Amino acid sequence: MADAFPSSAFLAQTLAAQPANTPNVSSVRTEEQAEKVAKEFETFFLGQMLQGMFTGLDSSGGEFGGGAGEKAFSGLLHEEYAKVFAKNGGIGLSDQLKTEILRMQGIETQKEKA
């Protein structure tokens, strides 16, 4: 049976394909840039997951639920949730992606230089 989750190499290649609003891997030249792009991607990924999680919820109930305002701003709320999650450690995706980005770009890490 295949893994339920794609490999980090697959995710790095997907990131390199550059969908419309994902971080750009092709301009990475340093370990710090790779870390920044990996964290941006993890934030993007978490935002997409959160959006999917909230899609099926009935938000029309209660005094403050539903309406045009909720529809307009729920995406922003999911993005902010994702930023907070990623800032506080996320799900560990950025560490794996950073390693793959560095490998793909042929960049030596600080550990390798020592």
Protein backbone atom coordinates (compact mmCIF):
# COMPACT_ATOMS: atom_id res chain seq x y z
CA MET A 1 0.00 0.00 0.00
CA ALA A 2 1.32 3.45 -0.92
CA ASP A 3 1.96 6.21 1.57
CA ALA A 4 -1.07 8.36 2.39
CA PHE A 5 1.12 11.47 2.22
CA PRO A 6 3.27 12.55 -0.72
CA SER A 7 7.04 12.52 -0.28
CA SER A 8 8.87 15.74 0.52
CA ALA A 9 10.65 15.46 -2.86
CA PHE A 10 7.27 15.41 -4.60
CA LEU A 11 6.15 18.45 -2.62
CA ALA A 12 9.36 20.29 -3.49
CA GLN A 13 8.86 19.50 -7.19
CA THR A 14 5.26 20.68 -6.96
CA LEU A 15 6.47 23.89 -5.35
CA ALA A 16 9.06 24.30 -8.12
CA ALA A 17 6.26 24.09 -10.71
CA GLN A 18 5.15 27.50 -9.39
CA PRO A 19 1.34 27.56 -9.17
CA ALA A 20 -0.14 31.06 -9.20
CA ASN A 21 0.15 32.12 -5.55
CA THR A 22 2.83 29.85 -4.09
CA PRO A 23 6.35 30.91 -3.09
CA ASN A 24 9.08 30.94 -5.77
CA VAL A 25 11.79 28.27 -5.44
CA SER A 26 13.76 29.15 -8.55
CA SER A 27 15.27 32.29 -7.01
CA VAL A 28 16.61 30.53 -3.89
CA ARG A 29 20.39 30.95 -3.56
CA THR A 30 21.02 30.70 0.20
CA GLU A 31 19.96 28.51 3.11
CA GLU A 32 18.07 31.45 4.64
CA GLN A 33 16.08 31.99 1.44
CA ALA A 34 15.26 28.27 1.31
CA GLU A 35 14.00 28.40 4.89
CA LYS A 36 11.84 31.44 4.12
CA VAL A 37 10.31 29.83 1.02
CA ALA A 38 9.70 26.55 2.86
CA LYS A 39 7.87 28.38 5.66
CA GLU A 40 5.82 30.36 3.12
CA PHE A 41 4.82 27.12 1.42
CA GLU A 42 3.88 25.48 4.73
CA THR A 43 1.70 28.50 5.51
CA PHE A 44 0.08 28.26 2.07
CA PHE A 45 -0.46 24.51 2.50
CA LEU A 46 -2.01 24.91 5.96
CA GLY A 47 -4.30 27.65 4.64
CA GLN A 48 -5.54 25.34 1.89
CA MET A 49 -6.14 22.56 4.42
CA LEU A 50 -8.03 24.86 6.76
CA GLN A 51 -10.18 26.14 3.94
CA GLY A 52 -11.13 22.57 3.10
CA MET A 53 -11.87 21.78 6.74
CA PHE A 54 -14.33 24.64 7.07
CA THR A 55 -16.06 24.10 3.71
CA GLY A 56 -18.67 21.64 4.93
CA LEU A 57 -19.58 23.43 8.16
CA ASP A 58 -22.99 25.03 8.49
CA SER A 59 -22.23 28.61 9.52
CA SER A 60 -25.73 30.01 9.15
CA GLY A 61 -26.76 29.30 12.73
CA GLY A 62 -26.51 31.66 15.68
CA GLU A 63 -26.69 35.41 15.96
CA PHE A 64 -23.36 36.05 14.27
CA GLY A 65 -23.23 33.26 11.68
CA GLY A 66 -23.56 33.41 7.90
CA GLY A 67 -24.02 36.38 5.64
CA ALA A 68 -21.98 38.08 2.97
CA GLY A 69 -19.37 39.27 5.46
CA GLU A 70 -18.52 35.77 6.55
CA LYS A 71 -18.23 34.60 2.97
CA ALA A 72 -15.98 37.53 2.10
CA PHE A 73 -13.62 37.27 5.05
CA SER A 74 -13.48 33.56 5.91
CA GLY A 75 -10.55 33.05 3.51
CA LEU A 76 -8.58 35.78 5.29
CA LEU A 77 -9.32 34.14 8.63
CA HIS A 78 -8.02 30.81 7.34
CA GLU A 79 -4.83 32.50 6.10
CA GLU A 80 -4.27 34.09 9.50
CA TYR A 81 -4.85 30.77 11.26
CA ALA A 82 -2.30 29.21 8.91
CA LYS A 83 0.26 31.96 9.64
CA VAL A 84 -0.12 31.42 13.39
CA PHE A 85 0.16 27.63 13.04
CA ALA A 86 3.27 27.88 10.84
CA LYS A 87 4.89 30.48 13.12
CA ASN A 88 4.43 28.18 16.11
CA GLY A 89 6.07 25.16 14.51
CA GLY A 90 3.47 24.11 11.98
CA ILE A 91 3.32 20.45 11.05
CA GLY A 92 7.02 20.01 10.29
CA LEU A 93 6.63 20.37 6.56
CA SER A 94 8.93 23.38 6.22
CA ASP A 95 11.97 21.51 7.58
CA GLN A 96 11.59 18.73 5.02
CA LEU A 97 10.91 21.16 2.21
CA LYS A 98 13.94 23.26 3.11
CA THR A 99 16.14 20.17 2.86
CA GLU A 100 14.69 19.25 -0.53
CA ILE A 101 14.93 22.80 -1.87
CA LEU A 102 18.59 22.99 -0.84
CA ARG A 103 19.27 19.61 -2.44
CA MET A 104 17.47 20.57 -5.67
CA GLN A 105 19.34 23.87 -5.91
CA GLY A 106 22.71 22.30 -5.00
CA ILE A 107 23.22 24.61 -2.02
CA GLU A 108 25.45 23.52 0.87
CA THR A 109 24.02 23.92 4.35
CA GLN A 110 25.93 25.45 7.27
CA LYS A 111 26.32 21.92 8.73
CA GLU A 112 27.89 20.62 5.52
CA LYS A 113 30.38 23.52 5.38
CA ALA A 114 31.62 22.88 8.93
